[in-house]
Structure formats: C-alpha cells, structure tokens
C-alpha cells in the first residue's frame, strides 16, 4: 500500500515532522489544516490520505484489510521523510479516530521511526466487531452518503453545528464522497483492531486526546490506554465531540506542541480547555 501525502508547509525551517491522519471517511486536509496552521513553525506537517478518501487511491484488494497494513504504509512515509531530511529528524504522528487507532499499531511496531504518537478520539478497541462488519456490508450495498446525517450528530455538538455550519458541511462532504469499497475495507480493519494485550509493551510515547462530549469513544477505553502504556498520557478537551481537531484546533495544537517539546515523559492525566 502506498499512501498519498500532502506537505502543508514544505519551506518551514522546523527540524521536526508531524504526520497527521483523518477519521474514517474523513479528509485529512480539511480535518487538520487549522491545527497545522497553529504548528506552522513547530514542525513540517504532512497530511496523509487513507485509501479512498481525499486524494488517496482506492483500496487495493491485494492488501489485507487490517490496520497493520495501513500502519506499515505510514511507516514507509516516515522512512521516506527521514531519507529526505536526515535520519536525525524526529518524526511524530497524530491520528483522528481510525487514524488514532492506526497510531497505536505504529507506536507498537515502529518505535525506531517515531518519536511520539498522538491518538485523538480513539482507543485500543473501537466499537464492536460485528457492527463494523455490518456497516461494511451496508456501505458496499448503499454507499456512504446514507451515513452522513447520523454521523454529523456524533461528530459535532449541536452548538458547533449551529455556529459553524459551513465547516461542518465541508467535513461531511469528505464522508459523502469517500470510495465505498475503501470505506468498507477500513471498517473490516477496525473490526479486527484490538491491541489491548500489547499496551504494556509499547515504549513509544503515546498522548491520548479525548473529546469531553465524544459519544463515539467511551472515556474508559481511552483511559485504559493512557494508564496501561508505560509512556501514556491523557488529556480531555472540554466541550469537544468526536471531531476534536476541527472543533478545538488551537487546543489540539498546543497539546501536540507540548509533546514534541517535552524531553521526558511522565504519565499525566489532565482536563484541558482554552
């Protein structure tokens, strides 16, 4: 698998790289641009498109539908950047929702490539396997457009939908135009995602960011990762639903910057807000 990438600020003198990935059916550029703007002088920010979203190629069925497959492709992106910029350049990764789950596979399998991983609105397990397999079949049959209305309610608070309808519409367009088969394959990958048994052995720094009002990701599941991973950390962002980087970009950027600048990690649990 080869993932499409877009560099936000190629000419930055910053000596760090931050890879960012979208939610399921999301467009990385739309979901992460405001965060990238906050970090424009802190790191070279690279948007990663998942298969079938943004400018990403559709899922190749030669690739097994697992998050390990996608994590390996993200690792290839990191290797390419290190070859371009120098092996000593630290590479960080931040992922939203499914991309956050991918981040845990990255943290487990590629500690030599990544200086730290940020998991936003995700956990070591996500939902129920049977529900993901059911959704995969549903989308193969009727497409992603029929998911938009219900997903909008989970992704954003009522107040945010009322105050910033244009932003919400742009984000939801990414879901409506996603490639149906690619979306279904990613659902199948989520059905198989479970790294709970691996958490005690993950040595990569892992920052967990949760939305206070995220109904999609039970906070107990997020806390499990932060409390079990040896270098785990948890921050809860006030008044944010599932689309935390869209709703609270300055706060997410501040937390990512904090991770990139911290020389040593200790477990910290905090409540975050502007």
Protein backbone atom coordinates (compact mmCIF):
# COMPACT_ATOMS: atom_id res chain seq x y z
CA UNK A 1 0.00 0.00 0.00
CA UNK A 2 1.22 3.47 -0.93
CA UNK A 3 -0.49 6.40 0.78
CA UNK A 4 -0.97 9.83 -0.75
CA UNK A 5 0.58 12.69 1.24
CA UNK A 6 0.44 16.49 1.08
CA UNK A 7 3.00 18.71 2.79
CA UNK A 8 1.37 21.75 4.40
CA UNK A 9 4.49 23.87 4.98
CA UNK A 10 7.37 22.49 2.95
CA UNK A 11 9.64 25.53 3.44
CA UNK A 12 9.48 25.59 7.23
CA UNK A 13 12.87 25.59 8.97
CA UNK A 14 11.42 23.44 11.75
CA UNK A 15 13.51 20.35 12.46
CA UNK A 16 10.58 18.06 13.23
CA UNK A 17 8.00 16.27 11.12
CA UNK A 18 4.37 15.70 12.10
CA UNK A 19 2.29 13.23 10.10
CA UNK A 20 -1.48 13.59 10.55
CA UNK A 21 -4.26 11.19 9.54
CA UNK A 22 -8.06 11.57 9.23
CA UNK A 23 -11.10 9.86 10.66
CA UNK A 24 -12.93 7.09 8.83
CA UNK A 25 -14.32 8.68 5.67
CA UNK A 26 -12.60 11.96 6.52
CA UNK A 27 -10.38 14.28 4.53
CA UNK A 28 -7.07 14.84 6.33
CA UNK A 29 -6.52 18.28 4.82
CA UNK A 30 -9.96 19.51 5.89
CA UNK A 31 -9.73 18.00 9.37
CA UNK A 32 -6.18 19.05 10.24
CA UNK A 33 -5.45 22.34 8.40
CA UNK A 34 -6.35 24.59 11.35
CA UNK A 35 -4.11 22.53 13.63
CA UNK A 36 -1.34 22.67 11.03
CA UNK A 37 -1.65 26.45 10.84
CA UNK A 38 -1.06 26.64 14.60
CA UNK A 39 2.04 24.45 14.24
CA UNK A 40 3.43 26.07 11.08
CA UNK A 41 6.72 26.99 12.77
CA UNK A 42 6.94 23.93 15.02
CA UNK A 43 7.07 21.08 12.51
CA UNK A 44 6.78 20.16 8.87
CA UNK A 45 3.17 18.97 8.79
CA UNK A 46 2.25 16.21 6.35
CA UNK A 47 -1.38 15.25 5.67
CA UNK A 48 -1.91 11.54 5.00
CA UNK A 49 -4.92 10.39 2.97
CA UNK A 50 -6.32 6.97 3.79
CA UNK A 51 -7.36 4.76 0.85
CA UNK A 52 -10.41 6.11 -0.94
CA UNK A 53 -10.51 9.46 0.87
CA UNK A 54 -9.08 12.85 -0.09
CA UNK A 55 -6.64 12.19 -2.92
CA UNK A 56 -5.94 8.63 -1.80
CA UNK A 57 -6.17 5.77 -4.25
CA UNK A 58 -8.95 3.25 -3.71
CA UNK A 59 -8.20 0.20 -1.56
CA UNK A 60 -6.22 -2.43 -3.46
CA UNK A 61 -7.68 -5.82 -2.59
CA UNK A 62 -4.19 -7.30 -2.75
CA UNK A 63 -3.77 -5.60 0.65
CA UNK A 64 -5.18 -7.33 3.71
CA UNK A 65 -7.87 -5.19 5.41
CA UNK A 66 -6.10 -4.66 8.74
CA UNK A 67 -4.77 -1.58 10.49
CA UNK A 68 -1.34 -3.23 10.46
CA UNK A 69 -1.41 -2.88 6.68
CA UNK A 70 -2.08 0.85 6.91
CA UNK A 71 0.42 1.33 9.73
CA UNK A 72 3.12 -0.25 7.59
CA UNK A 73 2.31 2.23 4.81
CA UNK A 74 2.56 5.15 7.26
CA UNK A 75 5.91 3.80 8.39
CA UNK A 76 7.05 3.85 4.75
CA UNK A 77 6.12 7.54 4.61
CA UNK A 78 8.21 8.18 7.72
CA UNK A 79 11.18 6.32 6.25
CA UNK A 80 10.97 8.36 3.07
CA UNK A 81 10.95 11.62 5.02
CA UNK A 82 13.95 10.54 7.09
CA UNK A 83 15.83 9.73 3.90
CA UNK A 84 14.94 13.16 2.53
CA UNK A 85 15.55 15.24 5.64
CA UNK A 86 18.08 13.18 7.58
CA UNK A 87 17.86 10.23 9.95
CA UNK A 88 18.20 12.53 12.94
CA UNK A 89 14.97 14.42 12.20
CA UNK A 90 12.31 13.32 14.71
CA UNK A 91 9.00 12.18 13.20
CA UNK A 92 5.74 12.38 15.16
CA UNK A 93 2.31 11.07 14.24
CA UNK A 94 -1.17 12.28 15.16
CA UNK A 95 -4.30 10.45 14.07
CA UNK A 96 -8.01 11.09 14.50
CA UNK A 97 -10.44 8.22 15.13
CA UNK A 98 -9.41 5.32 12.85
CA UNK A 99 -6.08 7.06 12.26
CA UNK A 100 -5.65 7.26 16.02
CA UNK A 101 -6.16 3.50 16.20
CA UNK A 102 -3.56 3.16 13.45
CA UNK A 103 -1.29 5.25 15.67
CA UNK A 104 -1.33 2.56 18.35
CA UNK A 105 -0.16 -0.01 15.80
CA UNK A 106 2.58 2.43 14.79
CA UNK A 107 3.62 3.01 18.40
CA UNK A 108 3.79 -0.74 18.99
CA UNK A 109 5.60 -1.78 15.81
CA UNK A 110 7.83 1.16 14.78
CA UNK A 111 9.44 2.70 17.89
CA UNK A 112 12.64 3.31 15.93
CA UNK A 113 10.83 5.54 13.42
CA UNK A 114 8.52 7.65 15.59
CA UNK A 115 9.45 9.94 18.45
CA UNK A 116 5.86 10.09 19.67
CA UNK A 117 2.27 9.27 18.73
CA UNK A 118 -0.89 11.28 19.41
CA UNK A 119 -4.16 9.33 19.44
CA UNK A 120 -7.23 11.55 19.12
CA UNK A 121 -10.73 10.19 19.82
CA UNK A 122 -9.71 6.54 19.60
CA UNK A 123 -8.55 3.62 21.72
CA UNK A 124 -7.12 0.09 21.76
CA UNK A 125 -10.51 -1.23 20.62
CA UNK A 126 -13.14 0.75 18.73
CA UNK A 127 -16.77 -0.35 18.78
CA UNK A 128 -17.97 -3.91 18.28
CA UNK A 129 -16.53 -6.13 15.51
CA UNK A 130 -19.96 -7.33 14.39
CA UNK A 131 -21.18 -3.75 13.97
CA UNK A 132 -18.18 -2.83 11.82
CA UNK A 133 -18.70 -5.87 9.60
CA UNK A 134 -22.38 -4.98 9.31
CA UNK A 135 -21.52 -1.41 8.34
CA UNK A 136 -19.04 -2.64 5.75
CA UNK A 137 -21.75 -4.68 4.04
CA UNK A 138 -24.22 -1.80 4.32
CA UNK A 139 -21.84 0.67 2.67
CA UNK A 140 -20.91 -1.78 -0.09
CA UNK A 141 -24.63 -2.02 -0.86
CA UNK A 142 -25.85 1.58 -0.44
CA UNK A 143 -22.82 3.88 -0.20
CA UNK A 144 -21.50 6.31 2.39
CA UNK A 145 -24.00 9.09 1.68
CA UNK A 146 -26.64 7.43 3.86
CA UNK A 147 -24.27 7.69 6.86
CA UNK A 148 -23.90 11.46 6.73
CA UNK A 149 -26.90 12.61 8.78
CA UNK A 150 -26.36 10.28 11.73
CA UNK A 151 -22.57 10.72 11.66
CA UNK A 152 -22.87 14.50 11.74
CA UNK A 153 -24.72 14.26 15.05
CA UNK A 154 -21.93 12.14 16.56
CA UNK A 155 -19.04 14.12 15.15
CA UNK A 156 -20.15 17.59 16.29
CA UNK A 157 -22.06 19.11 19.18
CA UNK A 158 -25.40 20.83 18.41
CA UNK A 159 -23.89 24.20 19.29
CA UNK A 160 -20.97 23.78 16.88
CA UNK A 161 -23.30 22.65 14.10
CA UNK A 162 -25.38 25.77 14.62
CA UNK A 163 -22.45 28.16 14.88
CA UNK A 164 -20.25 26.79 12.08
CA UNK A 165 -22.48 25.04 9.51
CA UNK A 166 -20.07 25.69 6.63
CA UNK A 167 -17.24 23.96 8.47
CA UNK A 168 -19.48 21.01 9.26
CA UNK A 169 -20.60 20.76 5.63
CA UNK A 170 -17.01 20.70 4.36
CA UNK A 171 -16.07 17.93 6.79
CA UNK A 172 -19.14 15.85 5.98
CA UNK A 173 -18.53 16.20 2.26
CA UNK A 174 -15.41 14.13 2.77
CA UNK A 175 -17.54 11.27 4.05
CA UNK A 176 -20.15 11.56 1.32
CA UNK A 177 -17.58 11.33 -1.50
CA UNK A 178 -15.47 8.54 0.05
CA UNK A 179 -14.92 5.46 -2.06
CA UNK A 180 -17.47 2.93 -0.81
CA UNK A 181 -15.31 -0.18 -1.06
CA UNK A 182 -12.33 1.52 0.57
CA UNK A 183 -14.55 2.67 3.43
CA UNK A 184 -15.88 -0.86 3.82
CA UNK A 185 -12.38 -2.33 3.91
CA UNK A 186 -11.40 0.13 6.63
CA UNK A 187 -14.49 -0.94 8.58
CA UNK A 188 -13.29 -4.54 8.31
CA UNK A 189 -9.87 -3.43 9.55
CA UNK A 190 -11.49 -1.77 12.58
CA UNK A 191 -13.39 -4.99 13.29
CA UNK A 192 -10.04 -6.73 13.75
CA UNK A 193 -8.41 -3.90 15.73
CA UNK A 194 -7.54 -4.89 19.31
CA UNK A 195 -4.17 -4.01 20.81
CA UNK A 196 -5.15 -4.15 24.49
CA UNK A 197 -2.79 -7.02 25.23
CA UNK A 198 0.10 -5.10 23.65
CA UNK A 199 -0.28 -1.86 25.62
CA UNK A 200 2.13 -2.74 28.48
CA UNK A 201 4.91 -3.30 25.93
CA UNK A 202 4.56 -0.06 23.93
CA UNK A 203 7.59 2.10 24.68
CA UNK A 204 6.82 4.91 22.23
CA UNK A 205 5.37 8.00 23.99
CA UNK A 206 1.60 7.97 23.44
CA UNK A 207 -0.58 11.01 24.08
CA UNK A 208 -4.31 10.30 24.24
CA UNK A 209 -6.63 13.22 23.46
CA UNK A 210 -10.34 12.73 24.10
CA UNK A 211 -13.31 14.99 23.48
CA UNK A 212 -15.32 15.59 26.63
CA UNK A 213 -18.57 15.11 24.66
CA UNK A 214 -17.43 12.35 22.30
CA UNK A 215 -20.17 9.73 22.34
CA UNK A 216 -18.27 7.55 19.85
CA UNK A 217 -15.30 6.81 22.10
CA UNK A 218 -16.04 5.75 25.71
CA UNK A 219 -13.64 7.55 28.02
CA UNK A 220 -12.92 4.32 29.92
CA UNK A 221 -11.39 2.88 26.75
CA UNK A 222 -9.17 5.93 26.35
CA UNK A 223 -8.14 5.84 29.99
CA UNK A 224 -7.14 2.19 29.60
CA UNK A 225 -4.52 3.12 27.03
CA UNK A 226 -3.16 6.07 29.00
CA UNK A 227 -2.95 4.02 32.20
CA UNK A 228 -1.51 0.85 30.66
CA UNK A 229 1.01 2.11 28.10
CA UNK A 230 4.24 2.84 30.03
CA UNK A 231 4.64 6.29 28.48
CA UNK A 232 0.96 7.13 28.19
CA UNK A 233 -0.71 10.48 28.83
CA UNK A 234 -4.34 11.61 28.72
CA UNK A 235 -5.94 14.99 28.02
CA UNK A 236 -9.68 15.61 27.85
CA UNK A 237 -10.68 18.61 25.73
CA UNK A 238 -13.70 20.46 27.09
CA UNK A 239 -16.89 20.74 25.01
CA UNK A 240 -15.44 18.78 22.08
CA UNK A 241 -17.23 15.89 20.37
CA UNK A 242 -15.54 13.36 18.06
CA UNK A 243 -14.01 15.87 15.64
CA UNK A 244 -11.67 17.33 18.22
CA UNK A 245 -9.10 18.84 15.78
CA UNK A 246 -11.89 20.61 13.88
CA UNK A 247 -13.74 21.88 16.93
CA UNK A 248 -10.72 22.80 19.09
CA UNK A 249 -7.70 23.17 16.78
CA UNK A 250 -5.73 25.58 19.00
CA UNK A 251 -6.03 23.26 21.98
CA UNK A 252 -5.04 20.19 19.98
CA UNK A 253 -2.07 22.06 18.52
CA UNK A 254 -0.99 23.17 21.99
CA UNK A 255 -1.04 19.60 23.25
CA UNK A 256 0.89 18.29 20.24
CA UNK A 257 3.47 21.05 20.67
CA UNK A 258 3.75 20.13 24.33
CA UNK A 259 4.50 16.55 23.39
CA UNK A 260 7.09 17.50 20.76
CA UNK A 261 8.89 19.84 23.14
CA UNK A 262 8.92 17.62 26.20
CA UNK A 263 12.30 15.90 26.69
CA UNK A 264 10.98 13.29 29.10
CA UNK A 265 7.53 11.82 29.54
CA UNK A 266 5.67 11.01 32.73
CA UNK A 267 2.11 9.84 32.89
CA UNK A 268 -0.19 12.84 33.24
CA UNK A 269 -3.98 13.00 33.31
CA UNK A 270 -5.50 16.42 32.82
CA UNK A 271 -8.63 18.31 31.88
CA UNK A 272 -7.88 20.70 29.01
CA UNK A 273 -9.69 23.82 27.86
CA UNK A 274 -8.99 27.19 26.37
